[in-house]
Amino acid sequence: MFYNILCSIARIVMKILFKVRIYGDNKLKDGKLIICANHQSNFDPIALATAVDRQVFFMAKRELFKNKLLGKIFAKLGVFPVDRKGADLQSIRKAIGILDDDNVLGIFPEGTRVEERDPSNMKEGVSFIALKAKADIQPVYIESDYKFRGKLNIYFRDLISIDEYLALPKKQAKIELGQDVFNEIYYNKKKELQEIK
């Protein structure tokens, strides 16, 4: 309830602040799903959450939870912390548990805000979690400088089915899946002319 109310308010605010345009199919599939996007601004999680019809449980850097009040708000919204400096097994288990409950997990696979497109920015976490949970991936590209009344274009790319990667050796599957997520986010132009009104 809290998430839905806040998300409804945020949708209105985002449309006031920016010229929001959504391209591709933003109706998320049922069941477990990972939604991945590029990351340039702190507005990105809000843009992503308000563009879809299901609750998104986001991974967020642990530093955001240092403030106890913010930490409680984030927890109510389904956001949970992750330590970006090492293998955070607790957060990985939490992420897999969210997916096993047929929810949507939100991950920015580059791990932090980046300005330049570079495949080396991709972390292995999204591939590892997707393969462990056997979850499909919905790639999204966000295009905006987040200036007042500036454009905010959100492109929903082709869904990546996890099935074709499960038959591969684990190391190869992680590498290929990570590359495909990166390429799908940044370079799939097929749906960009299909704006959702």
N, C-alpha and C. Protein backbone atom coordinates (compact mmCIF):
# COMPACT_ATOMS: atom_id res chain seq x y z
N MET A 1 0.84 -1.21 0.00
CA MET A 1 0.00 0.00 0.00
C MET A 1 0.87 1.26 0.00
N PHE A 2 1.86 1.29 0.93
CA PHE A 2 2.75 2.44 1.03
C PHE A 2 3.49 2.67 -0.29
N TYR A 3 3.99 1.58 -0.87
CA TYR A 3 4.70 1.67 -2.14
C TYR A 3 3.79 2.22 -3.24
N ASN A 4 2.58 1.69 -3.34
CA ASN A 4 1.66 2.11 -4.40
C ASN A 4 1.27 3.57 -4.28
N ILE A 5 1.03 4.03 -3.05
CA ILE A 5 0.66 5.44 -2.83
C ILE A 5 1.81 6.35 -3.23
N LEU A 6 3.01 6.01 -2.74
CA LEU A 6 4.18 6.84 -3.04
C LEU A 6 4.50 6.84 -4.53
N CYS A 7 4.33 5.68 -5.16
CA CYS A 7 4.62 5.56 -6.59
C CYS A 7 3.62 6.38 -7.41
N SER A 8 2.37 6.40 -7.01
CA SER A 8 1.35 7.20 -7.71
C SER A 8 1.67 8.69 -7.62
N ILE A 9 2.09 9.12 -6.45
CA ILE A 9 2.48 10.53 -6.26
C ILE A 9 3.71 10.84 -7.11
N ALA A 10 4.68 9.92 -7.08
CA ALA A 10 5.93 10.13 -7.83
C ALA A 10 5.68 10.22 -9.33
N ARG A 11 4.72 9.45 -9.85
CA ARG A 11 4.38 9.51 -11.28
C ARG A 11 3.92 10.92 -11.66
N ILE A 12 3.07 11.49 -10.82
CA ILE A 12 2.56 12.84 -11.09
C ILE A 12 3.70 13.85 -11.05
N VAL A 13 4.54 13.74 -10.03
CA VAL A 13 5.67 14.67 -9.87
C VAL A 13 6.62 14.56 -11.05
N MET A 14 6.93 13.33 -11.46
CA MET A 14 7.87 13.14 -12.58
C MET A 14 7.32 13.75 -13.87
N LYS A 15 6.00 13.65 -14.07
CA LYS A 15 5.41 14.22 -15.28
C LYS A 15 5.38 15.75 -15.24
N ILE A 16 5.36 16.30 -14.03
CA ILE A 16 5.44 17.76 -13.89
C ILE A 16 6.88 18.23 -14.15
N LEU A 17 7.83 17.50 -13.61
CA LEU A 17 9.24 17.90 -13.70
C LEU A 17 9.83 17.67 -15.08
N PHE A 18 9.41 16.57 -15.73
CA PHE A 18 10.06 16.16 -16.99
C PHE A 18 9.02 15.82 -18.06
N LYS A 19 9.47 15.81 -19.30
CA LYS A 19 8.63 15.35 -20.41
C LYS A 19 8.86 13.85 -20.58
N VAL A 20 8.00 13.08 -19.93
CA VAL A 20 8.19 11.63 -19.86
C VAL A 20 7.62 10.95 -21.11
N ARG A 21 8.44 10.13 -21.75
CA ARG A 21 8.01 9.33 -22.89
C ARG A 21 8.47 7.90 -22.67
N ILE A 22 7.57 6.95 -22.86
CA ILE A 22 7.90 5.54 -22.68
C ILE A 22 7.78 4.81 -24.02
N TYR A 23 8.80 4.04 -24.35
CA TYR A 23 8.85 3.32 -25.62
C TYR A 23 8.98 1.82 -25.36
N GLY A 24 8.35 1.02 -26.23
CA GLY A 24 8.39 -0.42 -26.07
C GLY A 24 7.27 -0.89 -25.16
N ASP A 25 7.37 -2.11 -24.71
CA ASP A 25 6.31 -2.73 -23.90
C ASP A 25 6.68 -2.65 -22.42
N ASN A 26 6.03 -1.74 -21.69
CA ASN A 26 6.35 -1.57 -20.27
C ASN A 26 5.44 -2.38 -19.35
N LYS A 27 4.61 -3.24 -19.94
CA LYS A 27 3.80 -4.15 -19.11
C LYS A 27 4.66 -5.38 -18.79
N LEU A 28 5.10 -5.45 -17.55
CA LEU A 28 6.03 -6.50 -17.17
C LEU A 28 5.34 -7.87 -17.12
N LYS A 29 6.09 -8.89 -17.49
CA LYS A 29 5.56 -10.25 -17.43
C LYS A 29 5.28 -10.64 -15.99
N ASP A 30 4.39 -11.62 -15.81
CA ASP A 30 4.08 -12.12 -14.48
C ASP A 30 5.23 -12.97 -13.95
N GLY A 31 5.24 -13.17 -12.64
CA GLY A 31 6.24 -14.05 -12.03
C GLY A 31 7.56 -13.35 -11.81
N LYS A 32 8.58 -14.16 -11.50
CA LYS A 32 9.90 -13.62 -11.17
C LYS A 32 10.50 -12.92 -12.37
N LEU A 33 11.15 -11.78 -12.10
CA LEU A 33 11.73 -10.98 -13.19
C LEU A 33 12.77 -10.04 -12.61
N ILE A 34 13.86 -9.88 -13.35
CA ILE A 34 14.86 -8.87 -13.01
C ILE A 34 14.75 -7.75 -14.03
N ILE A 35 14.64 -6.51 -13.55
CA ILE A 35 14.63 -5.37 -14.45
C ILE A 35 15.95 -4.63 -14.28
N CYS A 36 16.65 -4.43 -15.40
CA CYS A 36 17.99 -3.84 -15.39
C CYS A 36 18.00 -2.58 -16.25
N ALA A 37 18.72 -1.56 -15.79
CA ALA A 37 18.81 -0.33 -16.58
C ALA A 37 20.19 0.30 -16.42
N ASN A 38 20.51 1.19 -17.35
CA ASN A 38 21.71 2.01 -17.20
C ASN A 38 21.49 2.98 -16.04
N HIS A 39 22.57 3.56 -15.54
CA HIS A 39 22.47 4.37 -14.32
C HIS A 39 23.33 5.62 -14.44
N GLN A 40 22.66 6.79 -14.55
CA GLN A 40 23.39 8.06 -14.65
C GLN A 40 23.00 9.05 -13.57
N SER A 41 21.86 8.81 -12.89
CA SER A 41 21.35 9.80 -11.95
C SER A 41 20.62 9.12 -10.80
N ASN A 42 20.52 9.83 -9.68
CA ASN A 42 19.74 9.32 -8.55
C ASN A 42 18.25 9.26 -8.86
N PHE A 43 17.82 9.93 -9.94
CA PHE A 43 16.42 9.88 -10.36
C PHE A 43 16.08 8.56 -11.06
N ASP A 44 17.09 7.81 -11.50
CA ASP A 44 16.85 6.61 -12.31
C ASP A 44 15.92 5.59 -11.64
N PRO A 45 16.12 5.26 -10.35
CA PRO A 45 15.20 4.28 -9.74
C PRO A 45 13.75 4.77 -9.73
N ILE A 46 13.56 6.08 -9.53
CA ILE A 46 12.20 6.63 -9.52
C ILE A 46 11.60 6.55 -10.91
N ALA A 47 12.41 6.90 -11.93
CA ALA A 47 11.94 6.82 -13.31
C ALA A 47 11.52 5.40 -13.66
N LEU A 48 12.32 4.44 -13.24
CA LEU A 48 12.05 3.03 -13.54
C LEU A 48 10.81 2.53 -12.81
N ALA A 49 10.72 2.85 -11.53
CA ALA A 49 9.59 2.37 -10.72
C ALA A 49 8.26 2.94 -11.21
N THR A 50 8.27 4.21 -11.64
CA THR A 50 7.02 4.85 -12.07
C THR A 50 6.64 4.50 -13.50
N ALA A 51 7.52 3.81 -14.22
CA ALA A 51 7.24 3.45 -15.62
C ALA A 51 6.61 2.08 -15.76
N VAL A 52 6.52 1.33 -14.66
CA VAL A 52 6.01 -0.05 -14.75
C VAL A 52 4.80 -0.24 -13.84
N ASP A 53 4.12 -1.38 -14.04
CA ASP A 53 2.87 -1.64 -13.34
C ASP A 53 3.01 -2.62 -12.17
N ARG A 54 4.24 -3.00 -11.83
CA ARG A 54 4.48 -3.89 -10.71
C ARG A 54 5.48 -3.25 -9.74
N GLN A 55 5.43 -3.66 -8.48
CA GLN A 55 6.40 -3.15 -7.52
C GLN A 55 7.78 -3.68 -7.86
N VAL A 56 8.77 -2.80 -7.77
CA VAL A 56 10.15 -3.19 -8.02
C VAL A 56 10.92 -3.14 -6.70
N PHE A 57 11.55 -4.24 -6.35
CA PHE A 57 12.38 -4.33 -5.15
C PHE A 57 13.82 -4.04 -5.55
N PHE A 58 14.30 -2.86 -5.20
CA PHE A 58 15.61 -2.41 -5.66
C PHE A 58 16.73 -2.79 -4.70
N MET A 59 17.87 -3.17 -5.29
CA MET A 59 19.14 -3.22 -4.56
C MET A 59 19.70 -1.80 -4.54
N ALA A 60 20.21 -1.36 -3.38
CA ALA A 60 20.78 -0.01 -3.29
C ALA A 60 22.05 -0.06 -2.45
N LYS A 61 22.97 0.85 -2.72
CA LYS A 61 24.23 0.86 -1.99
C LYS A 61 23.99 1.02 -0.49
N ARG A 62 24.77 0.31 0.29
CA ARG A 62 24.61 0.27 1.74
C ARG A 62 24.71 1.65 2.39
N GLU A 63 25.48 2.54 1.77
CA GLU A 63 25.70 3.87 2.35
C GLU A 63 24.39 4.66 2.51
N LEU A 64 23.40 4.37 1.67
CA LEU A 64 22.13 5.08 1.75
C LEU A 64 21.34 4.75 3.01
N PHE A 65 21.72 3.67 3.68
CA PHE A 65 20.98 3.22 4.86
C PHE A 65 21.61 3.71 6.16
N LYS A 66 22.65 4.55 6.06
CA LYS A 66 23.29 5.07 7.28
C LYS A 66 22.34 5.96 8.06
N ASN A 67 21.50 6.71 7.35
CA ASN A 67 20.47 7.51 7.99
C ASN A 67 19.31 6.58 8.38
N LYS A 68 19.03 6.49 9.68
CA LYS A 68 18.04 5.51 10.16
C LYS A 68 16.64 5.76 9.60
N LEU A 69 16.26 7.06 9.52
CA LEU A 69 14.93 7.38 9.01
C LEU A 69 14.81 6.97 7.55
N LEU A 70 15.82 7.34 6.73
CA LEU A 70 15.81 6.95 5.32
C LEU A 70 15.82 5.44 5.18
N GLY A 71 16.60 4.79 6.03
CA GLY A 71 16.68 3.33 6.00
C GLY A 71 15.32 2.68 6.21
N LYS A 72 14.54 3.22 7.15
CA LYS A 72 13.21 2.69 7.42
C LYS A 72 12.27 2.91 6.23
N ILE A 73 12.38 4.11 5.63
CA ILE A 73 11.54 4.41 4.45
C ILE A 73 11.89 3.47 3.29
N PHE A 74 13.20 3.31 3.05
CA PHE A 74 13.65 2.41 1.99
C PHE A 74 13.14 0.99 2.23
N ALA A 75 13.23 0.54 3.47
CA ALA A 75 12.79 -0.82 3.80
C ALA A 75 11.30 -0.99 3.52
N LYS A 76 10.51 0.04 3.83
CA LYS A 76 9.06 -0.02 3.57
C LYS A 76 8.78 -0.08 2.07
N LEU A 77 9.68 0.49 1.29
CA LEU A 77 9.51 0.49 -0.16
C LEU A 77 10.08 -0.77 -0.82
N GLY A 78 10.64 -1.66 0.00
CA GLY A 78 11.19 -2.89 -0.54
C GLY A 78 12.61 -2.76 -1.02
N VAL A 79 13.25 -1.63 -0.72
CA VAL A 79 14.66 -1.42 -1.09
C VAL A 79 15.54 -2.10 -0.03
N PHE A 80 16.60 -2.76 -0.45
CA PHE A 80 17.48 -3.41 0.51
C PHE A 80 18.94 -3.13 0.15
N PRO A 81 19.82 -3.11 1.17
CA PRO A 81 21.21 -2.68 0.95
C PRO A 81 22.09 -3.77 0.36
N VAL A 82 23.12 -3.31 -0.35
CA VAL A 82 24.14 -4.21 -0.87
C VAL A 82 25.50 -3.55 -0.70
N ASP A 83 26.48 -4.34 -0.32
CA ASP A 83 27.85 -3.86 -0.20
C ASP A 83 28.53 -4.00 -1.55
N ARG A 84 28.84 -2.85 -2.18
CA ARG A 84 29.40 -2.88 -3.53
C ARG A 84 30.89 -3.20 -3.56
N LYS A 85 31.50 -3.26 -2.38
CA LYS A 85 32.95 -3.43 -2.34
C LYS A 85 33.38 -4.90 -2.36
N GLY A 86 32.43 -5.80 -2.15
CA GLY A 86 32.80 -7.21 -2.13
C GLY A 86 31.59 -8.08 -2.38
N ALA A 87 31.80 -9.39 -2.26
CA ALA A 87 30.69 -10.34 -2.45
C ALA A 87 29.79 -10.29 -1.22
N ASP A 88 28.60 -9.73 -1.38
CA ASP A 88 27.66 -9.58 -0.28
C ASP A 88 26.65 -10.73 -0.35
N LEU A 89 26.99 -11.83 0.33
CA LEU A 89 26.17 -13.05 0.23
C LEU A 89 24.78 -12.84 0.81
N GLN A 90 24.68 -12.03 1.86
CA GLN A 90 23.37 -11.78 2.47
C GLN A 90 22.44 -11.09 1.48
N SER A 91 22.96 -10.08 0.76
CA SER A 91 22.15 -9.36 -0.22
C SER A 91 21.79 -10.25 -1.41
N ILE A 92 22.72 -11.11 -1.80
CA ILE A 92 22.45 -12.03 -2.91
C ILE A 92 21.33 -13.00 -2.52
N ARG A 93 21.39 -13.52 -1.29
CA ARG A 93 20.32 -14.41 -0.82
C ARG A 93 18.98 -13.68 -0.76
N LYS A 94 19.03 -12.42 -0.31
CA LYS A 94 17.81 -11.60 -0.25
C LYS A 94 17.23 -11.43 -1.65
N ALA A 95 18.09 -11.12 -2.63
CA ALA A 95 17.65 -10.91 -4.01
C ALA A 95 17.02 -12.17 -4.58
N ILE A 96 17.65 -13.31 -4.35
CA ILE A 96 17.12 -14.58 -4.85
C ILE A 96 15.79 -14.91 -4.18
N GLY A 97 15.68 -14.60 -2.88
CA GLY A 97 14.43 -14.83 -2.16
C GLY A 97 13.29 -14.00 -2.73
N ILE A 98 13.58 -12.74 -3.08
CA ILE A 98 12.58 -11.86 -3.69
C ILE A 98 12.08 -12.47 -5.00
N LEU A 99 13.00 -12.97 -5.79
CA LEU A 99 12.62 -13.58 -7.07
C LEU A 99 11.87 -14.90 -6.87
N ASP A 100 12.29 -15.68 -5.90
CA ASP A 100 11.61 -16.95 -5.62
C ASP A 100 10.16 -16.73 -5.19
N ASP A 101 9.88 -15.52 -4.67
CA ASP A 101 8.50 -15.17 -4.30
C ASP A 101 7.74 -14.54 -5.47
N ASP A 102 8.30 -14.68 -6.67
CA ASP A 102 7.67 -14.19 -7.91
C ASP A 102 7.52 -12.66 -7.95
N ASN A 103 8.52 -11.98 -7.43
CA ASN A 103 8.53 -10.52 -7.46
C ASN A 103 9.49 -10.00 -8.53
N VAL A 104 9.53 -8.66 -8.66
CA VAL A 104 10.43 -7.99 -9.61
C VAL A 104 11.61 -7.41 -8.84
N LEU A 105 12.80 -7.79 -9.25
CA LEU A 105 14.02 -7.28 -8.64
C LEU A 105 14.63 -6.22 -9.55
N GLY A 106 14.95 -5.06 -9.00
CA GLY A 106 15.56 -3.98 -9.78
C GLY A 106 17.05 -3.88 -9.52
N ILE A 107 17.85 -3.96 -10.57
CA ILE A 107 19.31 -3.88 -10.44
C ILE A 107 19.87 -2.94 -11.51
N PHE A 108 20.80 -2.10 -11.10
CA PHE A 108 21.59 -1.33 -12.06
C PHE A 108 22.91 -2.09 -12.21
N PRO A 109 23.04 -2.86 -13.30
CA PRO A 109 24.12 -3.85 -13.40
C PRO A 109 25.53 -3.26 -13.47
N GLU A 110 25.63 -1.95 -13.71
CA GLU A 110 26.96 -1.33 -13.70
C GLU A 110 27.39 -0.98 -12.28
N GLY A 111 26.49 -1.13 -11.32
CA GLY A 111 26.85 -1.02 -9.91
C GLY A 111 26.85 0.39 -9.35
N THR A 112 27.02 1.38 -10.20
CA THR A 112 27.04 2.77 -9.78
C THR A 112 26.73 3.65 -10.97
N ARG A 113 26.62 4.96 -10.73
CA ARG A 113 26.34 5.86 -11.84
C ARG A 113 27.56 5.97 -12.75
N VAL A 114 27.31 5.88 -14.05
CA VAL A 114 28.40 5.97 -15.02
C VAL A 114 28.03 6.93 -16.14
N GLU A 115 29.02 7.57 -16.72
CA GLU A 115 28.80 8.53 -17.79
C GLU A 115 29.06 7.93 -19.17
N GLU A 116 29.98 6.96 -19.25
CA GLU A 116 30.37 6.40 -20.54
C GLU A 116 29.96 4.94 -20.65
N ARG A 117 29.56 4.56 -21.86
CA ARG A 117 29.21 3.16 -22.11
C ARG A 117 30.49 2.34 -22.20
N ASP A 118 30.58 1.33 -21.36
CA ASP A 118 31.77 0.48 -21.38
C ASP A 118 31.38 -0.88 -20.81
N PRO A 119 31.51 -1.95 -21.60
CA PRO A 119 31.13 -3.28 -21.12
C PRO A 119 31.86 -3.68 -19.84
N SER A 120 33.06 -3.12 -19.62
CA SER A 120 33.82 -3.48 -18.41
C SER A 120 33.17 -2.95 -17.14
N ASN A 121 32.20 -2.03 -17.29
CA ASN A 121 31.48 -1.52 -16.12
C ASN A 121 30.50 -2.53 -15.55
N MET A 122 30.15 -3.52 -16.35
CA MET A 122 29.13 -4.50 -15.93
C MET A 122 29.68 -5.39 -14.81
N LYS A 123 28.88 -5.52 -13.75
CA LYS A 123 29.23 -6.41 -12.65
C LYS A 123 28.60 -7.79 -12.91
N GLU A 124 29.18 -8.81 -12.28
CA GLU A 124 28.69 -10.18 -12.48
C GLU A 124 27.42 -10.48 -11.69
N GLY A 125 27.07 -9.58 -10.76
CA GLY A 125 25.96 -9.86 -9.85
C GLY A 125 24.65 -10.20 -10.54
N VAL A 126 24.30 -9.40 -11.57
CA VAL A 126 23.00 -9.63 -12.23
C VAL A 126 22.97 -11.00 -12.91
N SER A 127 24.07 -11.38 -13.55
CA SER A 127 24.13 -12.69 -14.21
C SER A 127 24.05 -13.81 -13.18
N PHE A 128 24.80 -13.65 -12.10
CA PHE A 128 24.83 -14.68 -11.05
C PHE A 128 23.44 -14.89 -10.46
N ILE A 129 22.77 -13.78 -10.12
CA ILE A 129 21.45 -13.87 -9.50
C ILE A 129 20.42 -14.44 -10.48
N ALA A 130 20.47 -13.97 -11.73
CA ALA A 130 19.51 -14.44 -12.74
C ALA A 130 19.64 -15.94 -12.96
N LEU A 131 20.87 -16.43 -13.03
CA LEU A 131 21.10 -17.85 -13.27
C LEU A 131 20.70 -18.69 -12.06
N LYS A 132 21.02 -18.20 -10.86
CA LYS A 132 20.67 -18.93 -9.64
C LYS A 132 19.15 -19.02 -9.46
N ALA A 133 18.47 -17.88 -9.74
CA ALA A 133 17.02 -17.83 -9.52
C ALA A 133 16.23 -18.28 -10.74
N LYS A 134 16.95 -18.49 -11.86
CA LYS A 134 16.29 -18.85 -13.13
C LYS A 134 15.24 -17.80 -13.50
N ALA A 135 15.69 -16.53 -13.49
CA ALA A 135 14.79 -15.40 -13.74
C ALA A 135 15.12 -14.72 -15.06
N ASP A 136 14.09 -14.41 -15.84
CA ASP A 136 14.28 -13.63 -17.07
C ASP A 136 14.69 -12.20 -16.72
N ILE A 137 15.24 -11.50 -17.70
CA ILE A 137 15.73 -10.14 -17.49
C ILE A 137 15.05 -9.18 -18.45
N GLN A 138 14.52 -8.09 -17.92
CA GLN A 138 13.93 -7.02 -18.73
C GLN A 138 14.91 -5.84 -18.77
N PRO A 139 15.64 -5.65 -19.89
CA PRO A 139 16.56 -4.52 -19.99
C PRO A 139 15.80 -3.23 -20.33
N VAL A 140 16.29 -2.13 -19.78
CA VAL A 140 15.68 -0.81 -20.00
C VAL A 140 16.79 0.22 -20.19
N TYR A 141 16.57 1.12 -21.14
CA TYR A 141 17.52 2.23 -21.32
C TYR A 141 16.83 3.54 -20.94
N ILE A 142 17.46 4.29 -20.04
CA ILE A 142 16.92 5.58 -19.60
C ILE A 142 17.76 6.69 -20.22
N GLU A 143 17.07 7.61 -20.89
CA GLU A 143 17.76 8.72 -21.56
C GLU A 143 17.23 10.04 -21.01
N SER A 144 18.05 10.75 -20.24
CA SER A 144 17.63 12.03 -19.69
C SER A 144 18.80 12.75 -19.04
N ASP A 145 18.74 14.09 -19.06
CA ASP A 145 19.69 14.86 -18.26
C ASP A 145 19.00 15.38 -17.00
N TYR A 146 17.70 15.05 -16.86
CA TYR A 146 16.89 15.39 -15.70
C TYR A 146 16.87 16.90 -15.41
N LYS A 147 16.91 17.68 -16.48
CA LYS A 147 16.71 19.11 -16.32
C LYS A 147 15.22 19.41 -16.32
N PHE A 148 14.81 20.47 -15.63
CA PHE A 148 13.39 20.80 -15.50
C PHE A 148 12.74 20.92 -16.88
N ARG A 149 11.67 20.16 -17.07
CA ARG A 149 10.92 20.07 -18.32
C ARG A 149 11.75 19.53 -19.47
N GLY A 150 12.86 18.90 -19.14
CA GLY A 150 13.67 18.25 -20.16
C GLY A 150 13.11 16.87 -20.47
N LYS A 151 13.65 16.23 -21.49
CA LYS A 151 13.15 14.92 -21.91
C LYS A 151 13.53 13.84 -20.89
N LEU A 152 12.65 12.90 -20.72
CA LEU A 152 12.92 11.68 -19.97
C LEU A 152 12.34 10.53 -20.80
N ASN A 153 13.20 9.93 -21.61
CA ASN A 153 12.80 8.82 -22.47
C ASN A 153 13.19 7.50 -21.83
N ILE A 154 12.23 6.59 -21.74
CA ILE A 154 12.48 5.29 -21.13
C ILE A 154 12.16 4.21 -22.16
N TYR A 155 13.20 3.47 -22.55
CA TYR A 155 13.07 2.48 -23.62
C TYR A 155 13.07 1.06 -23.04
N PHE A 156 11.99 0.32 -23.26
CA PHE A 156 11.92 -1.07 -22.82
C PHE A 156 12.40 -1.95 -23.96
N ARG A 157 13.48 -2.66 -23.73
CA ARG A 157 14.10 -3.50 -24.75
C ARG A 157 13.46 -4.89 -24.79
N ASP A 158 14.02 -5.77 -25.62
CA ASP A 158 13.52 -7.14 -25.71
C ASP A 158 13.83 -7.92 -24.43
N LEU A 159 12.87 -8.68 -23.97
CA LEU A 159 13.06 -9.53 -22.80
C LEU A 159 14.13 -10.57 -23.08
N ILE A 160 15.01 -10.78 -22.12
CA ILE A 160 16.05 -11.81 -22.23
C ILE A 160 15.59 -13.05 -21.46
N SER A 161 15.37 -14.14 -22.17
CA SER A 161 14.96 -15.39 -21.53
C SER A 161 16.18 -16.10 -20.96
N ILE A 162 16.08 -16.51 -19.71
CA ILE A 162 17.22 -17.14 -19.05
C ILE A 162 17.44 -18.57 -19.53
N ASP A 163 16.43 -19.18 -20.14
CA ASP A 163 16.50 -20.60 -20.49
C ASP A 163 17.69 -20.95 -21.37
N GLU A 164 17.98 -20.08 -22.34
CA GLU A 164 19.07 -20.41 -23.28
C GLU A 164 20.45 -20.38 -22.64
N TYR A 165 20.57 -19.77 -21.46
CA TYR A 165 21.87 -19.67 -20.79
C TYR A 165 22.07 -20.80 -19.77
N LEU A 166 20.98 -21.43 -19.35
CA LEU A 166 21.08 -22.44 -18.30
C LEU A 166 21.81 -23.70 -18.76
N ALA A 167 21.82 -23.95 -20.06
CA ALA A 167 22.49 -25.14 -20.58
C ALA A 167 24.00 -24.93 -20.77
N LEU A 168 24.45 -23.67 -20.67
CA LEU A 168 25.87 -23.37 -20.86
C LEU A 168 26.67 -23.64 -19.59
N PRO A 169 27.99 -23.87 -19.73
CA PRO A 169 28.84 -23.93 -18.52
C PRO A 169 28.69 -22.63 -17.73
N LYS A 170 28.76 -22.72 -16.40
CA LYS A 170 28.43 -21.59 -15.54
C LYS A 170 29.22 -20.33 -15.87
N LYS A 171 30.52 -20.45 -16.04
CA LYS A 171 31.36 -19.28 -16.31
C LYS A 171 30.99 -18.65 -17.63
N GLN A 172 30.81 -19.47 -18.65
CA GLN A 172 30.43 -18.97 -19.98
C GLN A 172 29.06 -18.31 -19.93
N ALA A 173 28.14 -18.92 -19.19
CA ALA A 173 26.78 -18.36 -19.08
C ALA A 173 26.81 -16.98 -18.44
N LYS A 174 27.60 -16.80 -17.38
CA LYS A 174 27.68 -15.51 -16.70
C LYS A 174 28.24 -14.44 -17.63
N ILE A 175 29.28 -14.79 -18.36
CA ILE A 175 29.93 -13.83 -19.26
C ILE A 175 28.99 -13.44 -20.40
N GLU A 176 28.41 -14.44 -21.05
CA GLU A 176 27.54 -14.16 -22.21
C GLU A 176 26.28 -13.40 -21.79
N LEU A 177 25.71 -13.78 -20.65
CA LEU A 177 24.51 -13.09 -20.18
C LEU A 177 24.80 -11.63 -19.85
N GLY A 178 25.92 -11.38 -19.20
CA GLY A 178 26.31 -10.01 -18.89
C GLY A 178 26.50 -9.17 -20.14
N GLN A 179 27.15 -9.75 -21.15
CA GLN A 179 27.36 -9.05 -22.42
C GLN A 179 26.03 -8.75 -23.11
N ASP A 180 25.14 -9.73 -23.09
CA ASP A 180 23.85 -9.56 -23.76
C ASP A 180 22.98 -8.52 -23.06
N VAL A 181 23.04 -8.46 -21.74
CA VAL A 181 22.30 -7.44 -21.00
C VAL A 181 22.83 -6.05 -21.36
N PHE A 182 24.13 -5.90 -21.40
CA PHE A 182 24.75 -4.62 -21.76
C PHE A 182 24.33 -4.20 -23.17
N ASN A 183 24.45 -5.11 -24.12
CA ASN A 183 24.13 -4.80 -25.51
C ASN A 183 22.64 -4.48 -25.69
N GLU A 184 21.80 -5.21 -24.96
CA GLU A 184 20.36 -4.99 -25.09
C GLU A 184 19.97 -3.62 -24.52
N ILE A 185 20.56 -3.24 -23.40
CA ILE A 185 20.26 -1.94 -22.80
C ILE A 185 20.67 -0.81 -23.73
N TYR A 186 21.89 -0.86 -24.22
CA TYR A 186 22.47 0.29 -24.92
C TYR A 186 22.26 0.31 -26.43
N TYR A 187 22.13 -0.88 -27.05
CA TYR A 187 22.22 -0.90 -28.51
C TYR A 187 21.01 -1.47 -29.25
N ASN A 188 19.99 -1.94 -28.54
CA ASN A 188 18.81 -2.44 -29.22
C ASN A 188 17.90 -1.27 -29.57
N LYS A 189 17.83 -0.94 -30.85
CA LYS A 189 17.06 0.24 -31.27
C LYS A 189 15.68 -0.14 -31.84
N LYS A 190 15.35 -1.42 -31.85
CA LYS A 190 14.17 -1.87 -32.59
C LYS A 190 12.86 -1.28 -32.06
N LYS A 191 12.80 -0.98 -30.77
CA LYS A 191 11.51 -0.58 -30.19
C LYS A 191 11.41 0.92 -29.95
N GLU A 192 12.39 1.69 -30.36
CA GLU A 192 12.42 3.07 -29.96
C GLU A 192 11.34 3.93 -30.63
N LEU A 193 10.74 3.46 -31.71
CA LEU A 193 9.70 4.24 -32.38
C LEU A 193 8.32 3.90 -31.89
N GLN A 194 8.22 2.91 -31.00
CA GLN A 194 6.90 2.48 -30.52
C GLN A 194 6.59 3.16 -29.19
N GLU A 195 6.20 4.40 -29.25
CA GLU A 195 5.90 5.11 -28.01
C GLU A 195 4.55 4.67 -27.47
N ILE A 196 4.50 4.47 -26.16
CA ILE A 196 3.23 4.15 -25.50
C ILE A 196 2.56 5.45 -25.09
N LYS A 197 1.36 5.64 -25.54
CA LYS A 197 0.63 6.89 -25.24
C LYS A 197 0.08 6.84 -23.82
